[in-house]
C-alpha atoms as a PDB file:
ATOM      1  CA  UNK A   1       0.000   0.000   0.000  1.00  0.00           C
ATOM      2  CA  UNK A   2       1.272   3.462  -0.866  1.00  0.00           C
ATOM      3  CA  UNK A   3       2.252   5.496   2.188  1.00  0.00           C
ATOM      4  CA  UNK A   4       0.433   8.734   2.862  1.00  0.00           C
ATOM      5  CA  UNK A   5       1.991  11.931   1.524  1.00  0.00           C
ATOM      6  CA  UNK A   6       2.168  14.715   4.097  1.00  0.00           C
ATOM      7  CA  UNK A   7       0.407  17.772   2.664  1.00  0.00           C
ATOM      8  CA  UNK A   8       1.172  21.149   4.238  1.00  0.00           C
ATOM      9  CA  UNK A   9      -1.723  23.282   3.144  1.00  0.00           C
ATOM     10  CA  UNK A  10      -4.069  26.200   3.575  1.00  0.00           C
ATOM     11  CA  UNK A  11      -7.183  26.718   1.399  1.00  0.00           C
ATOM     12  CA  UNK A  12      -5.796  29.222  -1.103  1.00  0.00           C
ATOM     13  CA  UNK A  13      -5.380  28.911  -4.885  1.00  0.00           C
ATOM     14  CA  UNK A  14      -1.836  27.622  -4.487  1.00  0.00           C
ATOM     15  CA  UNK A  15      -2.963  25.119  -1.881  1.00  0.00           C
ATOM     16  CA  UNK A  16      -5.841  23.963  -4.092  1.00  0.00           C
ATOM     17  CA  UNK A  17      -3.424  23.064  -6.865  1.00  0.00           C
ATOM     18  CA  UNK A  18      -1.947  20.283  -4.761  1.00  0.00           C
ATOM     19  CA  UNK A  19      -5.091  19.046  -3.026  1.00  0.00           C
ATOM     20  CA  UNK A  20      -6.709  18.783  -6.474  1.00  0.00           C
ATOM     21  CA  UNK A  21      -3.691  16.945  -7.900  1.00  0.00           C
ATOM     22  CA  UNK A  22      -3.590  14.449  -5.032  1.00  0.00           C
ATOM     23  CA  UNK A  23      -7.291  13.753  -5.495  1.00  0.00           C
ATOM     24  CA  UNK A  24      -6.965  13.460  -9.277  1.00  0.00           C
ATOM     25  CA  UNK A  25      -4.024  11.079  -8.978  1.00  0.00           C
ATOM     26  CA  UNK A  26      -5.621   8.963  -6.274  1.00  0.00           C
ATOM     27  CA  UNK A  27      -2.723   9.412  -3.877  1.00  0.00           C
ATOM     28  CA  UNK A  28      -3.397   9.043  -0.141  1.00  0.00           C
ATOM     29  CA  UNK A  29      -2.351  12.024   1.947  1.00  0.00           C
ATOM     30  CA  UNK A  30      -2.330  13.348   5.486  1.00  0.00           C
ATOM     31  CA  UNK A  31      -3.383  16.961   5.923  1.00  0.00           C
ATOM     32  CA  UNK A  32      -1.336  19.453   7.957  1.00  0.00           C
ATOM     33  CA  UNK A  33      -2.988  22.863   8.096  1.00  0.00           C
ATOM     34  CA  UNK A  34      -0.579  25.789   7.886  1.00  0.00           C
ATOM     35  CA  UNK A  35      -2.559  28.774   9.164  1.00  0.00           C
ATOM     36  CA  UNK A  36      -0.878  31.566   7.259  1.00  0.00           C
ATOM     37  CA  UNK A  37      -2.938  34.219   9.063  1.00  0.00           C
ATOM     38  CA  UNK A  38      -1.422  33.130  12.375  1.00  0.00           C
ATOM     39  CA  UNK A  39       2.137  32.761  11.099  1.00  0.00           C
ATOM     40  CA  UNK A  40       2.390  28.957  11.001  1.00  0.00           C
ATOM     41  CA  UNK A  41       4.464  29.279   7.824  1.00  0.00           C
ATOM     42  CA  UNK A  42       7.302  30.666   9.961  1.00  0.00           C
ATOM     43  CA  UNK A  43       7.431  27.693  12.314  1.00  0.00           C
ATOM     44  CA  UNK A  44      11.007  26.294  12.364  1.00  0.00           C
ATOM     45  CA  UNK A  45       9.836  22.756  11.624  1.00  0.00           C
ATOM     46  CA  UNK A  46       7.889  23.948   8.587  1.00  0.00           C
ATOM     47  CA  UNK A  47      10.853  26.007   7.377  1.00  0.00           C
ATOM     48  CA  UNK A  48      12.899  22.806   7.221  1.00  0.00           C
ATOM     49  CA  UNK A  49      10.460  21.621   4.563  1.00  0.00           C
ATOM     50  CA  UNK A  50       9.652  24.960   2.904  1.00  0.00           C
ATOM     51  CA  UNK A  51      12.525  27.416   3.470  1.00  0.00           C
ATOM     52  CA  UNK A  52      10.709  30.167   1.547  1.00  0.00           C
ATOM     53  CA  UNK A  53       8.007  30.160   4.265  1.00  0.00           C
ATOM     54  CA  UNK A  54       5.234  29.520   1.783  1.00  0.00           C
ATOM     55  CA  UNK A  55       2.763  26.709   1.502  1.00  0.00           C
ATOM     56  CA  UNK A  56       1.929  24.320  -0.067  1.00  0.00           C
ATOM     57  CA  UNK A  57       4.643  21.778   0.528  1.00  0.00           C
ATOM     58  CA  UNK A  58       4.718  18.016   0.699  1.00  0.00           C
ATOM     59  CA  UNK A  59       6.796  15.246   2.189  1.00  0.00           C
ATOM     60  CA  UNK A  60       6.639  11.947   0.351  1.00  0.00           C
ATOM     61  CA  UNK A  61       7.939   9.059   2.492  1.00  0.00           C
ATOM     62  CA  UNK A  62       8.339   7.041  -0.702  1.00  0.00           C
ATOM     63  CA  UNK A  63      10.443   9.457  -2.713  1.00  0.00           C
ATOM     64  CA  UNK A  64      13.211   8.707  -5.214  1.00  0.00           C
ATOM     65  CA  UNK A  65      15.014   5.425  -4.472  1.00  0.00           C
ATOM     66  CA  UNK A  66      12.477   4.781  -1.743  1.00  0.00           C
ATOM     67  CA  UNK A  67      13.820   7.537   0.502  1.00  0.00           C
ATOM     68  CA  UNK A  68      11.676  10.401   1.853  1.00  0.00           C
ATOM     69  CA  UNK A  69      11.692  13.697  -0.025  1.00  0.00           C
ATOM     70  CA  UNK A  70      10.261  17.109   0.852  1.00  0.00           C
ATOM     71  CA  UNK A  71       9.245  19.530  -1.899  1.00  0.00           C
ATOM     72  CA  UNK A  72       8.140  23.147  -1.839  1.00  0.00           C
ATOM     73  CA  UNK A  73       6.842  25.367  -4.696  1.00  0.00           C
ATOM     74  CA  UNK A  74       3.519  24.240  -6.130  1.00  0.00           C
ATOM     75  CA  UNK A  75       4.778  23.882  -9.697  1.00  0.00           C
ATOM     76  CA  UNK A  76       7.627  21.619  -8.628  1.00  0.00           C
ATOM     77  CA  UNK A  77       5.215  19.555  -6.549  1.00  0.00           C
ATOM     78  CA  UNK A  78       2.859  19.130  -9.509  1.00  0.00           C
ATOM     79  CA  UNK A  79       5.688  18.029 -11.781  1.00  0.00           C
ATOM     80  CA  UNK A  80       6.959  15.583  -9.164  1.00  0.00           C
ATOM     81  CA  UNK A  81       3.539  14.029  -8.579  1.00  0.00           C
ATOM     82  CA  UNK A  82       2.920  13.757 -12.319  1.00  0.00           C
ATOM     83  CA  UNK A  83       6.249  11.962 -12.807  1.00  0.00           C
ATOM     84  CA  UNK A  84       5.635   9.751  -9.782  1.00  0.00           C
ATOM     85  CA  UNK A  85       2.276   8.557 -11.049  1.00  0.00           C
ATOM     86  CA  UNK A  86       2.792   8.931 -14.783  1.00  0.00           C
ATOM     87  CA  UNK A  87      -0.487  10.841 -14.924  1.00  0.00           C
ATOM     88  CA  UNK A  88      -1.565  14.241 -16.236  1.00  0.00           C
ATOM     89  CA  UNK A  89       1.845  15.236 -17.591  1.00  0.00           C
ATOM     90  CA  UNK A  90       1.157  14.583 -21.266  1.00  0.00           C
ATOM     91  CA  UNK A  91       1.308  11.281 -23.101  1.00  0.00           C
ATOM     92  CA  UNK A  92       3.787  12.427 -25.768  1.00  0.00           C
ATOM     93  CA  UNK A  93       6.869  14.619 -25.624  1.00  0.00           C
ATOM     94  CA  UNK A  94       5.068  17.434 -27.397  1.00  0.00           C
ATOM     95  CA  UNK A  95       2.187  17.151 -24.933  1.00  0.00           C
ATOM     96  CA  UNK A  96       4.647  17.254 -22.030  1.00  0.00           C
ATOM     97  CA  UNK A  97       6.278  20.378 -23.434  1.00  0.00           C
ATOM     98  CA  UNK A  98       2.880  22.038 -23.785  1.00  0.00           C
ATOM     99  CA  UNK A  99       1.880  21.136 -20.235  1.00  0.00           C
ATOM    100  CA  UNK A 100       5.171  22.368 -18.805  1.00  0.00           C
ATOM    101  CA  UNK A 101       5.112  25.677 -20.642  1.00  0.00           C
ATOM    102  CA  UNK A 102       1.577  26.490 -19.504  1.00  0.00           C
ATOM    103  CA  UNK A 103       2.468  25.448 -15.977  1.00  0.00           C
ATOM    104  CA  UNK A 104       5.366  27.919 -16.111  1.00  0.00           C
ATOM    105  CA  UNK A 105       2.987  30.539 -17.533  1.00  0.00           C
ATOM    106  CA  UNK A 106       0.850  30.168 -14.449  1.00  0.00           C
ATOM    107  CA  UNK A 107       3.766  30.190 -12.032  1.00  0.00           C
ATOM    108  CA  UNK A 108       5.417  33.234 -13.571  1.00  0.00           C
ATOM    109  CA  UNK A 109       2.373  35.109 -14.829  1.00  0.00           C
ATOM    110  CA  UNK A 110      -1.206  34.450 -13.815  1.00  0.00           C
ATOM    111  CA  UNK A 111      -0.503  33.440 -10.214  1.00  0.00           C
ATOM    112  CA  UNK A 112       1.703  36.391  -9.243  1.00  0.00           C
ATOM    113  CA  UNK A 113      -0.354  38.962 -11.153  1.00  0.00           C
ATOM    114  CA  UNK A 114      -3.693  37.704  -9.855  1.00  0.00           C
ATOM    115  CA  UNK A 115      -2.225  37.590  -6.359  1.00  0.00           C
ATOM    116  CA  UNK A 116      -1.187  41.215  -6.613  1.00  0.00           C
ATOM    117  CA  UNK A 117      -4.615  42.120  -7.986  1.00  0.00           C
ATOM    118  CA  UNK A 118      -6.267  40.489  -4.978  1.00  0.00           C
ATOM    119  CA  UNK A 119      -3.905  42.325  -2.650  1.00  0.00           C
ATOM    120  CA  UNK A 120      -4.406  45.819  -4.028  1.00  0.00           C
ATOM    121  CA  UNK A 121      -8.106  45.448  -4.823  1.00  0.00           C
ATOM    122  CA  UNK A 122      -9.195  43.716  -1.612  1.00  0.00           C
ATOM    123  CA  UNK A 123      -6.637  43.787   1.171  1.00  0.00           C
ATOM    124  CA  UNK A 124      -4.666  47.013   0.816  1.00  0.00           C
ATOM    125  CA  UNK A 125      -7.727  49.314   1.075  1.00  0.00           C
ATOM    126  CA  UNK A 126      -8.654  47.591   4.366  1.00  0.00           C
ATOM    127  CA  UNK A 127      -5.257  48.104   5.980  1.00  0.00           C
ATOM    128  CA  UNK A 128      -4.557  50.563   8.787  1.00  0.00           C
ATOM    129  CA  UNK A 129      -3.941  53.097   7.433  1.00  0.00           C
ATOM    130  CA  UNK A 130      -5.812  52.267   4.198  1.00  0.00           C
ATOM    131  CA  UNK A 131      -3.711  51.859   1.072  1.00  0.00           C
ATOM    132  CA  UNK A 132      -6.191  52.515  -1.714  1.00  0.00           C
ATOM    133  CA  UNK A 133      -3.829  52.927  -4.649  1.00  0.00           C
ATOM    134  CA  UNK A 134      -5.540  53.525  -8.022  1.00  0.00           C
ATOM    135  CA  UNK A 135      -2.355  52.996 -10.033  1.00  0.00           C
ATOM    136  CA  UNK A 136      -1.620  49.615  -8.430  1.00  0.00           C
ATOM    137  CA  UNK A 137      -5.241  48.514  -8.756  1.00  0.00           C
ATOM    138  CA  UNK A 138      -5.344  49.414 -12.443  1.00  0.00           C
ATOM    139  CA  UNK A 139      -1.906  47.961 -13.120  1.00  0.00           C
ATOM    140  CA  UNK A 140      -2.684  44.478 -11.815  1.00  0.00           C
ATOM    141  CA  UNK A 141      -6.323  44.385 -12.876  1.00  0.00           C
ATOM    142  CA  UNK A 142      -5.220  45.203 -16.432  1.00  0.00           C
ATOM    143  CA  UNK A 143      -2.433  42.638 -16.429  1.00  0.00           C
ATOM    144  CA  UNK A 144      -4.785  39.917 -15.229  1.00  0.00           C
ATOM    145  CA  UNK A 145      -7.184  40.928 -18.016  1.00  0.00           C
ATOM    146  CA  UNK A 146      -4.370  40.541 -20.542  1.00  0.00           C
ATOM    147  CA  UNK A 147      -3.420  37.117 -19.199  1.00  0.00           C
ATOM    148  CA  UNK A 148      -7.000  35.849 -19.143  1.00  0.00           C
ATOM    149  CA  UNK A 149      -7.284  37.020 -22.748  1.00  0.00           C
ATOM    150  CA  UNK A 150      -4.235  34.916 -23.609  1.00  0.00           C
ATOM    151  CA  UNK A 151      -5.864  31.964 -21.866  1.00  0.00           C
ATOM    152  CA  UNK A 152      -9.197  32.463 -23.641  1.00  0.00           C
ATOM    153  CA  UNK A 153      -7.493  32.499 -27.035  1.00  0.00           C
ATOM    154  CA  UNK A 154      -5.566  29.328 -26.179  1.00  0.00           C
ATOM    155  CA  UNK A 155      -8.777  27.608 -25.120  1.00  0.00           C
ATOM    156  CA  UNK A 156     -10.429  28.596 -28.395  1.00  0.00           C
ATOM    157  CA  UNK A 157      -8.161  26.036 -30.048  1.00  0.00           C
ATOM    158  CA  UNK A 158      -7.998  23.358 -27.342  1.00  0.00           C
ATOM    159  CA  UNK A 159     -10.325  21.491 -25.015  1.00  0.00           C
ATOM    160  CA  UNK A 160      -7.890  21.949 -22.160  1.00  0.00           C
ATOM    161  CA  UNK A 161      -5.113  24.465 -21.674  1.00  0.00           C
ATOM    162  CA  UNK A 162      -2.274  22.381 -23.093  1.00  0.00           C
ATOM    163  CA  UNK A 163      -4.301  20.562 -25.734  1.00  0.00           C
ATOM    164  CA  UNK A 164      -6.847  17.759 -25.768  1.00  0.00           C
ATOM    165  CA  UNK A 165      -5.496  16.220 -22.552  1.00  0.00           C
ATOM    166  CA  UNK A 166      -6.303  17.355 -19.027  1.00  0.00           C
ATOM    167  CA  UNK A 167      -2.948  17.976 -17.326  1.00  0.00           C
ATOM    168  CA  UNK A 168      -1.218  19.557 -14.361  1.00  0.00           C
ATOM    169  CA  UNK A 169      -1.357  22.821 -16.308  1.00  0.00           C
ATOM    170  CA  UNK A 170      -5.134  22.856 -15.855  1.00  0.00           C
ATOM    171  CA  UNK A 171      -4.730  21.985 -12.175  1.00  0.00           C
ATOM    172  CA  UNK A 172      -2.372  24.926 -11.715  1.00  0.00           C
ATOM    173  CA  UNK A 173      -4.331  27.530 -13.673  1.00  0.00           C
ATOM    174  CA  UNK A 174      -7.913  26.743 -12.686  1.00  0.00           C
ATOM    175  CA  UNK A 175      -7.625  27.710  -8.974  1.00  0.00           C
ATOM    176  CA  UNK A 176      -6.489  31.222  -9.899  1.00  0.00           C
ATOM    177  CA  UNK A 177      -8.757  31.683 -12.926  1.00  0.00           C
ATOM    178  CA  UNK A 178     -11.836  30.608 -10.990  1.00  0.00           C
ATOM    179  CA  UNK A 179     -11.415  33.653  -8.724  1.00  0.00           C
ATOM    180  CA  UNK A 180     -12.028  36.040 -11.627  1.00  0.00           C
ATOM    181  CA  UNK A 181     -14.672  37.990  -9.698  1.00  0.00           C
ATOM    182  CA  UNK A 182     -12.223  38.938  -6.957  1.00  0.00           C
ATOM    183  CA  UNK A 183      -9.810  40.078  -9.669  1.00  0.00           C
ATOM    184  CA  UNK A 184     -12.619  42.271 -11.057  1.00  0.00           C
ATOM    185  CA  UNK A 185     -12.623  40.557 -14.429  1.00  0.00           C
ATOM    186  CA  UNK A 186     -15.604  40.155 -16.786  1.00  0.00           C
ATOM    187  CA  UNK A 187     -16.150  36.806 -18.486  1.00  0.00           C
ATOM    188  CA  UNK A 188     -18.833  37.801 -20.991  1.00  0.00           C
ATOM    189  CA  UNK A 189     -16.111  38.424 -23.575  1.00  0.00           C
ATOM    190  CA  UNK A 190     -14.266  35.157 -22.789  1.00  0.00           C
ATOM    191  CA  UNK A 191     -16.549  32.288 -23.865  1.00  0.00           C
ATOM    192  CA  UNK A 192     -13.751  29.743 -24.126  1.00  0.00           C
ATOM    193  CA  UNK A 193     -12.480  30.470 -20.647  1.00  0.00           C
ATOM    194  CA  UNK A 194     -16.040  30.271 -19.317  1.00  0.00           C
ATOM    195  CA  UNK A 195     -16.491  26.836 -20.924  1.00  0.00           C
ATOM    196  CA  UNK A 196     -13.220  25.540 -19.496  1.00  0.00           C
ATOM    197  CA  UNK A 197     -13.888  26.871 -15.994  1.00  0.00           C
ATOM    198  CA  UNK A 198     -17.110  24.863 -15.909  1.00  0.00           C
ATOM    199  CA  UNK A 199     -15.560  21.776 -17.524  1.00  0.00           C
ATOM    200  CA  UNK A 200     -12.732  21.567 -14.999  1.00  0.00           C
ATOM    201  CA  UNK A 201     -14.841  22.748 -12.073  1.00  0.00           C
ATOM    202  CA  UNK A 202     -17.268  19.864 -12.532  1.00  0.00           C
ATOM    203  CA  UNK A 203     -14.588  17.201 -12.100  1.00  0.00           C
ATOM    204  CA  UNK A 204     -15.187  15.268  -8.840  1.00  0.00           C
ATOM    205  CA  UNK A 205     -11.537  15.499  -7.800  1.00  0.00           C
ATOM    206  CA  UNK A 206     -11.511  19.256  -8.389  1.00  0.00           C
ATOM    207  CA  UNK A 207     -14.644  19.683  -6.298  1.00  0.00           C
ATOM    208  CA  UNK A 208     -13.182  17.567  -3.487  1.00  0.00           C
ATOM    209  CA  UNK A 209      -9.733  19.171  -3.636  1.00  0.00           C
ATOM    210  CA  UNK A 210     -11.100  22.706  -3.531  1.00  0.00           C
ATOM    211  CA  UNK A 211     -13.401  21.812  -0.641  1.00  0.00           C
ATOM    212  CA  UNK A 212     -10.510  20.658   1.557  1.00  0.00           C
ATOM    213  CA  UNK A 213     -10.621  22.673   4.805  1.00  0.00           C
ATOM    214  CA  UNK A 214     -12.997  25.084   3.089  1.00  0.00           C
ATOM    215  CA  UNK A 215     -14.342  26.198   6.444  1.00  0.00           C
ATOM    216  CA  UNK A 216     -10.983  27.738   7.271  1.00  0.00           C
ATOM    217  CA  UNK A 217     -11.269  30.167   4.367  1.00  0.00           C
ATOM    218  CA  UNK A 218     -12.718  33.383   5.758  1.00  0.00           C
ATOM    219  CA  UNK A 219     -14.676  35.934   3.750  1.00  0.00           C
ATOM    220  CA  UNK A 220     -14.481  38.501   6.555  1.00  0.00           C
ATOM    221  CA  UNK A 221     -12.091  41.474   6.430  1.00  0.00           C
ATOM    222  CA  UNK A 222      -8.629  40.461   7.592  1.00  0.00           C
ATOM    223  CA  UNK A 223      -7.825  41.591  11.135  1.00  0.00           C
ATOM    224  CA  UNK A 224      -4.747  43.659  11.950  1.00  0.00           C
ATOM    225  CA  UNK A 225      -2.832  40.703  13.366  1.00  0.00           C
ATOM    226  CA  UNK A 226      -3.259  38.652  10.198  1.00  0.00           C
ATOM    227  CA  UNK A 227      -2.384  41.677   8.063  1.00  0.00           C
ATOM    228  CA  UNK A 228       0.847  42.122   9.985  1.00  0.00           C
ATOM    229  CA  UNK A 229       1.720  38.448   9.660  1.00  0.00           C
ATOM    230  CA  UNK A 230       0.986  38.279   5.935  1.00  0.00           C
ATOM    231  CA  UNK A 231       2.025  41.714   4.737  1.00  0.00           C
ATOM    232  CA  UNK A 232       4.283  43.141   7.430  1.00  0.00           C
ATOM    233  CA  UNK A 233       8.038  43.383   7.215  1.00  0.00           C
ATOM    234  CA  UNK A 234       9.979  40.420   8.597  1.00  0.00           C
ATOM    235  CA  UNK A 235      13.704  40.101   8.879  1.00  0.00           C
END
């Protein structure tokens, strides 16, 4: 029997990538909640696994050569799990290249830009003192719009992001793209993206992975303590 993978997680788009992948791949896992609003990501034991003090991370007791391995960075985790199982990484070399390049597109583009959009549109105006910055809001809202346009055009030609196969690229992109309302993005001009969001969102493993610890995800304004932990300066 396959040993459980330790999943260090909080219900955010980056966390959903890995909970969805584990569900899609049928891998057993043990959940460790990393409450980023309370600073659990700075715990010394967690930093041994994820030195960049970010979740998600995993520890696989059955890593390469049968020895345990710990991995941080969601894209690296997705690639590792895909190689481990031989699933969702593309069935040909060209398909693998396509999946990898769109995974990198998410890691370097959509994720960071959408994250900044969420920050300046939602969190910064609530800070004490408020930081309601029109330039920053427009800058990141517009860049997310550009990126979602790129994605819509790609999906006009393909069932899934990297082609006809559902891959880790979809698992990486969907959690960020599905939060389009919080990024203040319209979808009425993006029919292909709308189709794909529904197609992926209806998958049982996606539903289950996104629902993991859903009750921990607050819709209330962030309190000052959490703001300091997440956005304050740390040495």
